């Protein structure tokens, strides 16, 4: 299956946009996007940031529609990450979140089947 460029652009735009948006006041956002081909014929893409992070007990729920973390002063609909998860699933992949570099922020990891 060929990847849908428009959907993948939307996915990365949302992940990078969130990385810029959800940082503590006065913090300069740092974002690292990298990709690699793993040994199982899958592409792994990581979007890491130095933002507010996601508490362990809420990591699975952030991919649900309309679920929002309680972040006073930060707006959002609670749909962005749910849409990201659906895009990745539609492409036969998996999306998850881990701690960010050095335990600060978040790293969103998605794996997708590599092109033939």
PDB file of N, CA and C in Angstrom:
ATOM      1  N   UNK A   1       0.840  -1.177   0.000  1.00  0.00           N
ATOM      2  CA  UNK A   1       0.000   0.000   0.000  1.00  0.00           C
ATOM      3  C   UNK A   1       0.885   1.240   0.000  1.00  0.00           C
ATOM      4  N   UNK A   2       0.573   2.170  -0.870  1.00  0.00           N
ATOM      5  CA  UNK A   2       1.306   3.433  -0.921  1.00  0.00           C
ATOM      6  C   UNK A   2       0.793   4.360   0.171  1.00  0.00           C
ATOM      7  N   UNK A   3       1.695   5.132   0.723  1.00  0.00           N
ATOM      8  CA  UNK A   3       1.321   6.086   1.773  1.00  0.00           C
ATOM      9  C   UNK A   3       0.561   7.260   1.171  1.00  0.00           C
ATOM     10  N   UNK A   4      -0.366   7.783   1.930  1.00  0.00           N
ATOM     11  CA  UNK A   4      -1.115   8.970   1.537  1.00  0.00           C
ATOM     12  C   UNK A   4      -0.330  10.189   2.009  1.00  0.00           C
ATOM     13  N   UNK A   5       0.263  10.904   1.064  1.00  0.00           N
ATOM     14  CA  UNK A   5       1.117  12.059   1.396  1.00  0.00           C
ATOM     15  C   UNK A   5       0.386  13.118   2.201  1.00  0.00           C
ATOM     16  N   UNK A   6      -0.843  13.396   1.838  1.00  0.00           N
ATOM     17  CA  UNK A   6      -1.615  14.439   2.526  1.00  0.00           C
ATOM     18  C   UNK A   6      -1.829  14.054   3.990  1.00  0.00           C
ATOM     19  N   UNK A   7      -2.206  12.807   4.225  1.00  0.00           N
ATOM     20  CA  UNK A   7      -2.437  12.364   5.599  1.00  0.00           C
ATOM     21  C   UNK A   7      -1.142  12.333   6.410  1.00  0.00           C
ATOM     22  N   UNK A   8      -0.062  11.870   5.813  1.00  0.00           N
ATOM     23  CA  UNK A   8       1.208  11.837   6.533  1.00  0.00           C
ATOM     24  C   UNK A   8       1.715  13.245   6.817  1.00  0.00           C
ATOM     25  N   UNK A   9       1.466  14.171   5.914  1.00  0.00           N
ATOM     26  CA  UNK A   9       1.821  15.574   6.164  1.00  0.00           C
ATOM     27  C   UNK A   9       1.010  16.103   7.352  1.00  0.00           C
ATOM     28  N   UNK A  10      -0.283  15.809   7.376  1.00  0.00           N
ATOM     29  CA  UNK A  10      -1.139  16.230   8.487  1.00  0.00           C
ATOM     30  C   UNK A  10      -0.647  15.632   9.806  1.00  0.00           C
ATOM     31  N   UNK A  11      -0.269  14.368   9.785  1.00  0.00           N
ATOM     32  CA  UNK A  11       0.239  13.682  10.968  1.00  0.00           C
ATOM     33  C   UNK A  11       1.481  14.385  11.513  1.00  0.00           C
ATOM     34  N   UNK A  12       2.476  14.584  10.673  1.00  0.00           N
ATOM     35  CA  UNK A  12       3.718  15.207  11.132  1.00  0.00           C
ATOM     36  C   UNK A  12       3.512  16.667  11.504  1.00  0.00           C
ATOM     37  N   UNK A  13       2.654  17.359  10.771  1.00  0.00           N
ATOM     38  CA  UNK A  13       2.347  18.750  11.094  1.00  0.00           C
ATOM     39  C   UNK A  13       1.739  18.846  12.495  1.00  0.00           C
ATOM     40  N   UNK A  14       0.850  17.938  12.834  1.00  0.00           N
ATOM     41  CA  UNK A  14       0.216  17.960  14.148  1.00  0.00           C
ATOM     42  C   UNK A  14       1.223  17.623  15.251  1.00  0.00           C
ATOM     43  N   UNK A  15       2.039  16.603  15.045  1.00  0.00           N
ATOM     44  CA  UNK A  15       3.009  16.222  16.073  1.00  0.00           C
ATOM     45  C   UNK A  15       4.042  17.331  16.315  1.00  0.00           C
ATOM     46  N   UNK A  16       4.549  17.921  15.250  1.00  0.00           N
ATOM     47  CA  UNK A  16       5.521  19.011  15.403  1.00  0.00           C
ATOM     48  C   UNK A  16       4.831  20.251  15.971  1.00  0.00           C
ATOM     49  N   UNK A  17       3.614  20.538  15.513  1.00  0.00           N
ATOM     50  CA  UNK A  17       2.869  21.681  16.054  1.00  0.00           C
ATOM     51  C   UNK A  17       2.621  21.551  17.543  1.00  0.00           C
ATOM     52  N   UNK A  18       2.263  20.349  17.999  1.00  0.00           N
ATOM     53  CA  UNK A  18       2.071  20.120  19.431  1.00  0.00           C
ATOM     54  C   UNK A  18       3.382  20.305  20.193  1.00  0.00           C
ATOM     55  N   UNK A  19       4.475  19.875  19.601  1.00  0.00           N
ATOM     56  CA  UNK A  19       5.776  20.010  20.256  1.00  0.00           C
ATOM     57  C   UNK A  19       6.133  21.486  20.465  1.00  0.00           C
ATOM     58  N   UNK A  20       5.748  22.331  19.537  1.00  0.00           N
ATOM     59  CA  UNK A  20       5.995  23.769  19.661  1.00  0.00           C
ATOM     60  C   UNK A  20       5.023  24.394  20.665  1.00  0.00           C
ATOM     61  N   UNK A  21       3.787  23.952  20.644  1.00  0.00           N
ATOM     62  CA  UNK A  21       2.718  24.555  21.456  1.00  0.00           C
ATOM     63  C   UNK A  21       2.813  24.216  22.939  1.00  0.00           C
ATOM     64  N   UNK A  22       3.090  22.970  23.255  1.00  0.00           N
ATOM     65  CA  UNK A  22       3.008  22.508  24.643  1.00  0.00           C
ATOM     66  C   UNK A  22       4.364  22.509  25.337  1.00  0.00           C
ATOM     67  N   UNK A  23       4.914  23.703  25.507  1.00  0.00           N
ATOM     68  CA  UNK A  23       6.144  23.907  26.272  1.00  0.00           C
ATOM     69  C   UNK A  23       5.844  24.880  27.403  1.00  0.00           C
ATOM     70  N   UNK A  24       6.626  24.800  28.451  1.00  0.00           N
ATOM     71  CA  UNK A  24       6.450  25.714  29.576  1.00  0.00           C
ATOM     72  C   UNK A  24       6.756  27.145  29.139  1.00  0.00           C
ATOM     73  N   UNK A  25       6.074  28.092  29.743  1.00  0.00           N
ATOM     74  CA  UNK A  25       6.304  29.505  29.448  1.00  0.00           C
ATOM     75  C   UNK A  25       7.787  29.830  29.596  1.00  0.00           C
ATOM     76  N   UNK A  26       8.312  30.544  28.633  1.00  0.00           N
ATOM     77  CA  UNK A  26       9.712  30.939  28.669  1.00  0.00           C
ATOM     78  C   UNK A  26      10.683  29.882  28.192  1.00  0.00           C
ATOM     79  N   UNK A  27      10.186  28.732  27.788  1.00  0.00           N
ATOM     80  CA  UNK A  27      11.047  27.647  27.300  1.00  0.00           C
ATOM     81  C   UNK A  27      11.112  27.705  25.780  1.00  0.00           C
ATOM     82  N   UNK A  28      12.294  27.638  25.258  1.00  0.00           N
ATOM     83  CA  UNK A  28      12.470  27.600  23.808  1.00  0.00           C
ATOM     84  C   UNK A  28      12.262  26.168  23.340  1.00  0.00           C
ATOM     85  N   UNK A  29      11.302  25.930  22.466  1.00  0.00           N
ATOM     86  CA  UNK A  29      11.043  24.560  22.018  1.00  0.00           C
ATOM     87  C   UNK A  29      12.242  23.959  21.283  1.00  0.00           C
ATOM     88  N   UNK A  30      12.517  22.701  21.589  1.00  0.00           N
ATOM     89  CA  UNK A  30      13.512  21.917  20.861  1.00  0.00           C
ATOM     90  C   UNK A  30      12.813  20.663  20.360  1.00  0.00           C
ATOM     91  N   UNK A  31      12.937  20.419  19.082  1.00  0.00           N
ATOM     92  CA  UNK A  31      12.242  19.288  18.459  1.00  0.00           C
ATOM     93  C   UNK A  31      13.244  18.525  17.604  1.00  0.00           C
ATOM     94  N   UNK A  32      13.205  17.223  17.758  1.00  0.00           N
ATOM     95  CA  UNK A  32      14.046  16.348  16.952  1.00  0.00           C
ATOM     96  C   UNK A  32      13.135  15.371  16.225  1.00  0.00           C
ATOM     97  N   UNK A  33      13.225  15.376  14.913  1.00  0.00           N
ATOM     98  CA  UNK A  33      12.469  14.415  14.099  1.00  0.00           C
ATOM     99  C   UNK A  33      13.499  13.532  13.404  1.00  0.00           C
ATOM    100  N   UNK A  34      13.333  12.236  13.597  1.00  0.00           N
ATOM    101  CA  UNK A  34      14.257  11.319  12.936  1.00  0.00           C
ATOM    102  C   UNK A  34      13.505  10.081  12.476  1.00  0.00           C
ATOM    103  N   UNK A  35      14.078   9.425  11.493  1.00  0.00           N
ATOM    104  CA  UNK A  35      13.470   8.196  10.989  1.00  0.00           C
ATOM    105  C   UNK A  35      14.567   7.187  10.706  1.00  0.00           C
ATOM    106  N   UNK A  36      14.174   5.931  10.775  1.00  0.00           N
ATOM    107  CA  UNK A  36      15.110   4.866  10.454  1.00  0.00           C
ATOM    108  C   UNK A  36      14.329   3.658   9.978  1.00  0.00           C
ATOM    109  N   UNK A  37      14.998   2.829   9.231  1.00  0.00           N
ATOM    110  CA  UNK A  37      14.414   1.579   8.748  1.00  0.00           C
ATOM    111  C   UNK A  37      14.875   0.490   9.698  1.00  0.00           C
ATOM    112  N   UNK A  38      13.907  -0.182  10.349  1.00  0.00           N
ATOM    113  CA  UNK A  38      14.301  -1.233  11.283  1.00  0.00           C
ATOM    114  C   UNK A  38      14.469  -2.555  10.530  1.00  0.00           C
ATOM    115  N   UNK A  39      14.901  -3.565  11.216  1.00  0.00           N
ATOM    116  CA  UNK A  39      15.176  -4.852  10.586  1.00  0.00           C
ATOM    117  C   UNK A  39      13.941  -5.653  10.226  1.00  0.00           C
ATOM    118  N   UNK A  40      12.753  -5.188  10.604  1.00  0.00           N
ATOM    119  CA  UNK A  40      11.510  -5.916  10.344  1.00  0.00           C
ATOM    120  C   UNK A  40      10.734  -5.359   9.156  1.00  0.00           C
ATOM    121  N   UNK A  41      11.390  -4.566   8.317  1.00  0.00           N
ATOM    122  CA  UNK A  41      10.715  -4.006   7.162  1.00  0.00           C
ATOM    123  C   UNK A  41       9.734  -2.900   7.518  1.00  0.00           C
ATOM    124  N   UNK A  42      10.032  -2.183   8.585  1.00  0.00           N
ATOM    125  CA  UNK A  42       9.166  -1.094   9.032  1.00  0.00           C
ATOM    126  C   UNK A  42      10.000   0.173   9.152  1.00  0.00           C
ATOM    127  N   UNK A  43       9.339   1.287   8.940  1.00  0.00           N
ATOM    128  CA  UNK A  43       9.951   2.592   9.139  1.00  0.00           C
ATOM    129  C   UNK A  43       9.532   3.084  10.520  1.00  0.00           C
ATOM    130  N   UNK A  44      10.503   3.553  11.278  1.00  0.00           N
ATOM    131  CA  UNK A  44      10.245   4.116  12.611  1.00  0.00           C
ATOM    132  C   UNK A  44      10.519   5.609  12.521  1.00  0.00           C
ATOM    133  N   UNK A  45       9.532   6.408  12.922  1.00  0.00           N
ATOM    134  CA  UNK A  45       9.672   7.868  12.943  1.00  0.00           C
ATOM    135  C   UNK A  45       9.476   8.323  14.376  1.00  0.00           C
ATOM    136  N   UNK A  46      10.373   9.184  14.846  1.00  0.00           N
ATOM    137  CA  UNK A  46      10.293   9.721  16.200  1.00  0.00           C
ATOM    138  C   UNK A  46      10.218  11.234  16.143  1.00  0.00           C
ATOM    139  N   UNK A  47       9.303  11.803  16.919  1.00  0.00           N
ATOM    140  CA  UNK A  47       9.207  13.252  17.091  1.00  0.00           C
ATOM    141  C   UNK A  47       9.393  13.503  18.583  1.00  0.00           C
ATOM    142  N   UNK A  48      10.578  14.001  18.956  1.00  0.00           N
ATOM    143  CA  UNK A  48      10.928  14.208  20.359  1.00  0.00           C
ATOM    144  C   UNK A  48      10.960  15.700  20.661  1.00  0.00           C
ATOM    145  N   UNK A  49      10.544  16.056  21.886  1.00  0.00           N
ATOM    146  CA  UNK A  49      10.511  17.466  22.265  1.00  0.00           C
ATOM    147  C   UNK A  49      10.913  17.658  23.721  1.00  0.00           C
ATOM    148  N   UNK A  50      11.050  18.902  24.119  1.00  0.00           N
ATOM    149  CA  UNK A  50      11.384  19.269  25.490  1.00  0.00           C
ATOM    150  C   UNK A  50      10.188  19.941  26.177  1.00  0.00           C
ATOM    151  N   UNK A  51       8.999  19.524  25.788  1.00  0.00           N
ATOM    152  CA  UNK A  51       7.774  20.153  26.273  1.00  0.00           C
ATOM    153  C   UNK A  51       7.319  19.677  27.638  1.00  0.00           C
ATOM    154  N   UNK A  52       6.018  19.793  27.868  1.00  0.00           N
ATOM    155  CA  UNK A  52       5.408  19.499  29.156  1.00  0.00           C
ATOM    156  C   UNK A  52       5.367  18.013  29.479  1.00  0.00           C
ATOM    157  N   UNK A  53       5.419  17.162  28.474  1.00  0.00           N
ATOM    158  CA  UNK A  53       5.381  15.723  28.695  1.00  0.00           C
ATOM    159  C   UNK A  53       3.969  15.215  28.929  1.00  0.00           C
ATOM    160  N   UNK A  54       3.838  13.897  28.937  1.00  0.00           N
ATOM    161  CA  UNK A  54       2.558  13.226  29.139  1.00  0.00           C
ATOM    162  C   UNK A  54       2.722  12.291  30.331  1.00  0.00           C
ATOM    163  N   UNK A  55       1.917  12.448  31.377  1.00  0.00           N
ATOM    164  CA  UNK A  55       2.021  11.528  32.515  1.00  0.00           C
ATOM    165  C   UNK A  55       1.774  10.080  32.074  1.00  0.00           C
ATOM    166  N   UNK A  56       2.525   9.157  32.673  1.00  0.00           N
ATOM    167  CA  UNK A  56       2.413   7.734  32.318  1.00  0.00           C
ATOM    168  C   UNK A  56       0.981   7.232  32.326  1.00  0.00           C
ATOM    169  N   UNK A  57       0.213   7.618  33.334  1.00  0.00           N
ATOM    170  CA  UNK A  57      -1.145   7.079  33.482  1.00  0.00           C
ATOM    171  C   UNK A  57      -2.136   7.637  32.469  1.00  0.00           C
ATOM    172  N   UNK A  58      -1.711   8.601  31.638  1.00  0.00           N
ATOM    173  CA  UNK A  58      -2.616   9.175  30.645  1.00  0.00           C
ATOM    174  C   UNK A  58      -2.153   8.925  29.213  1.00  0.00           C
ATOM    175  N   UNK A  59      -1.069   8.218  29.050  1.00  0.00           N
ATOM    176  CA  UNK A  59      -0.492   8.040  27.712  1.00  0.00           C
ATOM    177  C   UNK A  59      -1.399   7.290  26.747  1.00  0.00           C
ATOM    178  N   UNK A  60      -2.102   6.281  27.202  1.00  0.00           N
ATOM    179  CA  UNK A  60      -2.998   5.549  26.298  1.00  0.00           C
ATOM    180  C   UNK A  60      -4.210   6.394  25.939  1.00  0.00           C
ATOM    181  N   UNK A  61      -4.693   7.196  26.867  1.00  0.00           N
ATOM    182  CA  UNK A  61      -5.927   7.957  26.654  1.00  0.00           C
ATOM    183  C   UNK A  61      -5.760   9.149  25.711  1.00  0.00           C
ATOM    184  N   UNK A  62      -4.560   9.669  25.566  1.00  0.00           N
ATOM    185  CA  UNK A  62      -4.394  10.868  24.738  1.00  0.00           C
ATOM    186  C   UNK A  62      -4.725  10.619  23.275  1.00  0.00           C
ATOM    187  N   UNK A  63      -4.822   9.357  22.877  1.00  0.00           N
ATOM    188  CA  UNK A  63      -5.165   9.035  21.496  1.00  0.00           C
ATOM    189  C   UNK A  63      -6.671   8.832  21.305  1.00  0.00           C
ATOM    190  N   UNK A  64      -7.453   9.031  22.360  1.00  0.00           N
ATOM    191  CA  UNK A  64      -8.912   8.944  22.281  1.00  0.00           C
ATOM    192  C   UNK A  64      -9.485  10.287  21.824  1.00  0.00           C
ATOM    193  N   UNK A  65     -10.542  10.229  21.025  1.00  0.00           N
ATOM    194  CA  UNK A  65     -11.201  11.456  20.573  1.00  0.00           C
ATOM    195  C   UNK A  65     -11.735  12.254  21.757  1.00  0.00           C
ATOM    196  N   UNK A  66     -11.501  13.549  21.723  1.00  0.00           N
ATOM    197  CA  UNK A  66     -11.986  14.536  22.694  1.00  0.00           C
ATOM    198  C   UNK A  66     -11.344  14.422  24.074  1.00  0.00           C
ATOM    199  N   UNK A  67     -10.325  13.585  24.231  1.00  0.00           N
ATOM    200  CA  UNK A  67      -9.632  13.513  25.518  1.00  0.00           C
ATOM    201  C   UNK A  67      -8.542  14.580  25.544  1.00  0.00           C
ATOM    202  N   UNK A  68      -8.542  15.374  26.607  1.00  0.00           N
ATOM    203  CA  UNK A  68      -7.528  16.424  26.768  1.00  0.00           C
ATOM    204  C   UNK A  68      -6.909  16.334  28.147  1.00  0.00           C
ATOM    205  N   UNK A  69      -5.633  16.559  28.213  1.00  0.00           N
ATOM    206  CA  UNK A  69      -4.966  16.685  29.506  1.00  0.00           C
ATOM    207  C   UNK A  69      -5.374  18.014  30.122  1.00  0.00           C
ATOM    208  N   UNK A  70      -5.402  18.080  31.424  1.00  0.00           N
ATOM    209  CA  UNK A  70      -5.725  19.326  32.113  1.00  0.00           C
ATOM    210  C   UNK A  70      -4.496  20.226  32.070  1.00  0.00           C
ATOM    211  N   UNK A  71      -4.481  21.132  31.108  1.00  0.00           N
ATOM    212  CA  UNK A  71      -3.363  22.046  30.905  1.00  0.00           C
ATOM    213  C   UNK A  71      -3.896  23.482  30.873  1.00  0.00           C
ATOM    214  N   UNK A  72      -4.048  24.102  32.043  1.00  0.00           N
ATOM    215  CA  UNK A  72      -4.543  25.484  32.063  1.00  0.00           C
ATOM    216  C   UNK A  72      -3.667  26.386  31.190  1.00  0.00           C
ATOM    217  N   UNK A  73      -4.332  27.208  30.389  1.00  0.00           N
ATOM    218  CA  UNK A  73      -3.620  28.127  29.513  1.00  0.00           C
ATOM    219  C   UNK A  73      -3.282  27.566  28.148  1.00  0.00           C
ATOM    220  N   UNK A  74      -3.622  26.314  27.898  1.00  0.00           N
ATOM    221  CA  UNK A  74      -3.353  25.687  26.599  1.00  0.00           C
ATOM    222  C   UNK A  74      -4.676  25.243  25.997  1.00  0.00           C
ATOM    223  N   UNK A  75      -4.953  25.712  24.798  1.00  0.00           N
ATOM    224  CA  UNK A  75      -6.222  25.379  24.152  1.00  0.00           C
ATOM    225  C   UNK A  75      -6.052  24.181  23.224  1.00  0.00           C
ATOM    226  N   UNK A  76      -7.175  23.580  22.883  1.00  0.00           N
ATOM    227  CA  UNK A  76      -7.177  22.463  21.947  1.00  0.00           C
ATOM    228  C   UNK A  76      -8.526  21.766  21.987  1.00  0.00           C
ATOM    229  N   UNK A  77      -8.768  20.941  20.994  1.00  0.00           N
ATOM    230  CA  UNK A  77     -10.061  20.261  20.887  1.00  0.00           C
ATOM    231  C   UNK A  77     -10.034  18.841  21.422  1.00  0.00           C
ATOM    232  N   UNK A  78      -8.852  18.273  21.586  1.00  0.00           N
ATOM    233  CA  UNK A  78      -8.763  16.878  21.977  1.00  0.00           C
ATOM    234  C   UNK A  78      -8.929  15.930  20.804  1.00  0.00           C
ATOM    235  N   UNK A  79      -8.784  16.447  19.600  1.00  0.00           N
ATOM    236  CA  UNK A  79      -8.931  15.610  18.402  1.00  0.00           C
ATOM    237  C   UNK A  79      -7.610  15.335  17.682  1.00  0.00           C
ATOM    238  N   UNK A  80      -6.631  16.193  17.851  1.00  0.00           N
ATOM    239  CA  UNK A  80      -5.396  16.096  17.075  1.00  0.00           C
ATOM    240  C   UNK A  80      -4.697  14.756  17.175  1.00  0.00           C
ATOM    241  N   UNK A  81      -4.450  14.285  18.384  1.00  0.00           N
ATOM    242  CA  UNK A  81      -3.729  13.016  18.538  1.00  0.00           C
ATOM    243  C   UNK A  81      -4.592  11.821  18.166  1.00  0.00           C
ATOM    244  N   UNK A  82      -5.903  11.944  18.339  1.00  0.00           N
ATOM    245  CA  UNK A  82      -6.805  10.871  17.899  1.00  0.00           C
ATOM    246  C   UNK A  82      -6.744  10.741  16.373  1.00  0.00           C
ATOM    247  N   UNK A  83      -6.712  11.862  15.689  1.00  0.00           N
ATOM    248  CA  UNK A  83      -6.593  11.850  14.227  1.00  0.00           C
ATOM    249  C   UNK A  83      -5.247  11.264  13.825  1.00  0.00           C
ATOM    250  N   UNK A  84      -4.183  11.643  14.528  1.00  0.00           N
ATOM    251  CA  UNK A  84      -2.857  11.088  14.242  1.00  0.00           C
ATOM    252  C   UNK A  84      -2.865   9.571  14.368  1.00  0.00           C
ATOM    253  N   UNK A  85      -3.454   9.068  15.446  1.00  0.00           N
ATOM    254  CA  UNK A  85      -3.507   7.616  15.656  1.00  0.00           C
ATOM    255  C   UNK A  85      -4.270   6.935  14.532  1.00  0.00           C
ATOM    256  N   UNK A  86      -5.362   7.527  14.080  1.00  0.00           N
ATOM    257  CA  UNK A  86      -6.144   6.934  12.979  1.00  0.00           C
ATOM    258  C   UNK A  86      -5.359   6.931  11.676  1.00  0.00           C
ATOM    259  N   UNK A  87      -4.607   7.992  11.429  1.00  0.00           N
ATOM    260  CA  UNK A  87      -3.791   8.052  10.215  1.00  0.00           C
ATOM    261  C   UNK A  87      -2.762   6.928  10.225  1.00  0.00           C
ATOM    262  N   UNK A  88      -2.091   6.755  11.353  1.00  0.00           N
ATOM    263  CA  UNK A  88      -1.070   5.709  11.465  1.00  0.00           C
ATOM    264  C   UNK A  88      -1.715   4.331  11.310  1.00  0.00           C
ATOM    265  N   UNK A  89      -2.853   4.111  11.969  1.00  0.00           N
ATOM    266  CA  UNK A  89      -3.553   2.825  11.855  1.00  0.00           C
ATOM    267  C   UNK A  89      -3.977   2.563  10.419  1.00  0.00           C
ATOM    268  N   UNK A  90      -4.456   3.581   9.749  1.00  0.00           N
ATOM    269  CA  UNK A  90      -4.895   3.426   8.356  1.00  0.00           C
ATOM    270  C   UNK A  90      -3.740   2.960   7.460  1.00  0.00           C
ATOM    271  N   UNK A  91      -2.524   3.329   7.841  1.00  0.00           N
ATOM    272  CA  UNK A  91      -1.344   2.932   7.085  1.00  0.00           C
ATOM    273  C   UNK A  91      -0.727   1.632   7.603  1.00  0.00           C
ATOM    274  N   UNK A  92      -1.421   0.954   8.523  1.00  0.00           N
ATOM    275  CA  UNK A  92      -0.935  -0.320   9.033  1.00  0.00           C
ATOM    276  C   UNK A  92       0.142  -0.196  10.098  1.00  0.00           C
ATOM    277  N   UNK A  93       0.166   0.949  10.769  1.00  0.00           N
ATOM    278  CA  UNK A  93       1.204   1.190  11.766  1.00  0.00           C
ATOM    279  C   UNK A  93       0.677   1.353  13.176  1.00  0.00           C
ATOM    280  N   UNK A  94       1.577   1.745  14.048  1.00  0.00           N
ATOM    281  CA  UNK A  94       1.283   1.926  15.461  1.00  0.00           C
ATOM    282  C   UNK A  94       1.874   3.265  15.901  1.00  0.00           C
ATOM    283  N   UNK A  95       1.151   3.976  16.763  1.00  0.00           N
ATOM    284  CA  UNK A  95       1.610   5.249  17.333  1.00  0.00           C
ATOM    285  C   UNK A  95       1.584   5.130  18.845  1.00  0.00           C
ATOM    286  N   UNK A  96       2.662   5.546  19.480  1.00  0.00           N
ATOM    287  CA  UNK A  96       2.719   5.550  20.939  1.00  0.00           C
ATOM    288  C   UNK A  96       3.539   6.752  21.401  1.00  0.00           C
ATOM    289  N   UNK A  97       3.507   6.999  22.713  1.00  0.00           N
ATOM    290  CA  UNK A  97       4.290   8.090  23.280  1.00  0.00           C
ATOM    291  C   UNK A  97       5.166   7.558  24.400  1.00  0.00           C
ATOM    292  N   UNK A  98       6.374   8.092  24.477  1.00  0.00           N
ATOM    293  CA  UNK A  98       7.349   7.727  25.493  1.00  0.00           C
ATOM    294  C   UNK A  98       7.879   9.011  26.125  1.00  0.00           C
ATOM    295  N   UNK A  99       8.749   8.854  27.120  1.00  0.00           N
ATOM    296  CA  UNK A  99       9.427  10.017  27.684  1.00  0.00           C
ATOM    297  C   UNK A  99      10.261  10.694  26.612  1.00  0.00           C
ATOM    298  N   UNK A 100      10.456  11.987  26.777  1.00  0.00           N
ATOM    299  CA  UNK A 100      11.323  12.728  25.880  1.00  0.00           C
ATOM    300  C   UNK A 100      12.785  12.507  26.223  1.00  0.00           C
ATOM    301  N   UNK A 101      13.671  13.112  25.448  1.00  0.00           N
ATOM    302  CA  UNK A 101      15.109  12.970  25.687  1.00  0.00           C
ATOM    303  C   UNK A 101      15.475  13.411  27.096  1.00  0.00           C
ATOM    304  N   UNK A 102      16.217  12.584  27.794  1.00  0.00           N
ATOM    305  CA  UNK A 102      16.641  12.914  29.145  1.00  0.00           C
ATOM    306  C   UNK A 102      15.508  12.958  30.149  1.00  0.00           C
ATOM    307  N   UNK A 103      14.341  12.381  29.792  1.00  0.00           N
ATOM    308  CA  UNK A 103      13.205  12.365  30.710  1.00  0.00           C
ATOM    309  C   UNK A 103      12.364  13.628  30.689  1.00  0.00           C
ATOM    310  N   UNK A 104      12.685  14.565  29.805  1.00  0.00           N
ATOM    311  CA  UNK A 104      11.923  15.807  29.677  1.00  0.00           C
ATOM    312  C   UNK A 104      11.121  15.779  28.391  1.00  0.00           C
ATOM    313  N   UNK A 105       9.856  16.192  28.468  1.00  0.00           N
ATOM    314  CA  UNK A 105       9.032  16.250  27.277  1.00  0.00           C
ATOM    315  C   UNK A 105       8.511  14.888  26.866  1.00  0.00           C
ATOM    316  N   UNK A 106       8.264  14.757  25.573  1.00  0.00           N
ATOM    317  CA  UNK A 106       7.675  13.539  25.021  1.00  0.00           C
ATOM    318  C   UNK A 106       8.402  13.130  23.754  1.00  0.00           C
ATOM    319  N   UNK A 107       8.320  11.841  23.463  1.00  0.00           N
ATOM    320  CA  UNK A 107       8.748  11.330  22.169  1.00  0.00           C
ATOM    321  C   UNK A 107       7.598  10.522  21.605  1.00  0.00           C
ATOM    322  N   UNK A 108       7.051  10.972  20.485  1.00  0.00           N
ATOM    323  CA  UNK A 108       6.005  10.234  19.790  1.00  0.00           C
ATOM    324  C   UNK A 108       6.712   9.335  18.779  1.00  0.00           C
ATOM    325  N   UNK A 109       6.402   8.052  18.861  1.00  0.00           N
ATOM    326  CA  UNK A 109       7.051   7.043  18.020  1.00  0.00           C
ATOM    327  C   UNK A 109       5.978   6.395  17.155  1.00  0.00           C
ATOM    328  N   UNK A 110       6.178   6.434  15.846  1.00  0.00           N
ATOM    329  CA  UNK A 110       5.256   5.740  14.963  1.00  0.00           C
ATOM    330  C   UNK A 110       6.044   4.785  14.101  1.00  0.00           C
ATOM    331  N   UNK A 111       5.461   3.633  13.867  1.00  0.00           N
ATOM    332  CA  UNK A 111       6.069   2.647  12.984  1.00  0.00           C
ATOM    333  C   UNK A 111       5.080   2.361  11.860  1.00  0.00           C
ATOM    334  N   UNK A 112       5.605   2.313  10.667  1.00  0.00           N
ATOM    335  CA  UNK A 112       4.807   2.083   9.461  1.00  0.00           C
ATOM    336  C   UNK A 112       5.491   1.029   8.605  1.00  0.00           C
ATOM    337  N   UNK A 113       4.710   0.269   7.848  1.00  0.00           N
ATOM    338  CA  UNK A 113       5.346  -0.663   6.905  1.00  0.00           C
ATOM    339  C   UNK A 113       6.170   0.118   5.887  1.00  0.00           C
ATOM    340  N   UNK A 114       7.355  -0.370   5.582  1.00  0.00           N
ATOM    341  CA  UNK A 114       8.197   0.280   4.571  1.00  0.00           C
ATOM    342  C   UNK A 114       7.641  -0.019   3.183  1.00  0.00           C
ATOM    343  N   UNK A 115       7.907   0.876   2.247  1.00  0.00           N
ATOM    344  CA  UNK A 115       7.475   0.671   0.864  1.00  0.00           C
ATOM    345  C   UNK A 115       8.235  -0.501   0.279  1.00  0.00           C
ATOM    346  N   UNK A 116       7.582  -1.182  -0.658  1.00  0.00           N
ATOM    347  CA  UNK A 116       8.221  -2.313  -1.344  1.00  0.00           C
ATOM    348  C   UNK A 116       9.368  -1.853  -2.206  1.00  0.00           C
TER     349      UNK A 116
END
